[in-house]
Amino acid sequence: METRYTKQEIKQSEKFKRNRDLIEALLKDGIYYTTGEVLEIIERFMEGCV
């Protein structure tokens, strides 16, 4: 089972430092996400912007 993180923990991580604004806008407070889920959410958003 993958570790799950809060929006705040993800925003503070080195891995997602370039995407902090997207994370703030796309993720919900109080929900726990895996890194894979976060990457998928960001990818879907970016595909929609093209």
Protein backbone atom coordinates (compact mmCIF):
# COMPACT_ATOMS: atom_id res chain seq x y z
CA MET A 1 0.00 0.00 0.00
CA GLU A 2 1.35 3.40 -0.99
CA THR A 3 1.83 6.15 1.54
CA ARG A 4 -0.77 8.88 1.39
CA TYR A 5 -0.08 12.55 2.00
CA THR A 6 -2.09 15.67 2.73
CA LYS A 7 -2.21 18.60 0.32
CA GLN A 8 0.09 20.55 2.66
CA GLU A 9 2.67 17.74 2.81
CA ILE A 10 2.66 17.44 -0.98
CA LYS A 11 3.10 21.20 -1.44
CA GLN A 12 6.12 21.11 0.87
CA SER A 13 7.78 18.17 -0.87
CA GLU A 14 10.83 18.66 -3.05
CA LYS A 15 9.32 16.43 -5.77
CA PHE A 16 6.39 18.79 -6.39
CA LYS A 17 8.04 22.16 -5.76
CA ARG A 18 7.54 23.25 -9.40
CA ASN A 19 3.83 22.46 -9.20
CA ARG A 20 2.93 24.13 -5.91
CA ASP A 21 0.46 26.54 -7.50
CA LEU A 22 -1.28 23.70 -9.35
CA ILE A 23 -1.39 21.59 -6.21
CA GLU A 24 -2.94 24.48 -4.30
CA ALA A 25 -5.62 24.86 -6.97
CA LEU A 26 -6.31 21.22 -7.81
CA LEU A 27 -6.06 19.28 -4.55
CA LYS A 28 -8.60 19.43 -1.75
CA ASP A 29 -7.86 20.05 1.91
CA GLY A 30 -8.53 17.11 4.21
CA ILE A 31 -7.99 14.50 1.48
CA TYR A 32 -4.98 12.18 1.43
CA TYR A 33 -3.29 11.46 -1.93
CA THR A 34 -0.60 9.09 -3.17
CA THR A 35 2.15 10.59 -5.31
CA GLY A 36 0.75 8.65 -8.27
CA GLU A 37 -2.67 10.22 -7.81
CA VAL A 38 -1.13 13.70 -7.64
CA LEU A 39 0.85 13.11 -10.82
CA GLU A 40 -2.30 11.87 -12.57
CA ILE A 41 -4.34 14.91 -11.45
CA ILE A 42 -1.63 17.29 -12.68
CA GLU A 43 -1.29 15.40 -15.98
CA ARG A 44 -5.04 15.46 -16.66
CA PHE A 45 -5.13 19.18 -15.94
CA MET A 46 -2.20 19.87 -18.26
CA GLU A 47 -3.77 17.82 -21.07
CA GLY A 48 -6.93 19.90 -20.74
CA CYS A 49 -4.95 23.13 -21.06
CA VAL A 50 -3.33 22.23 -24.38
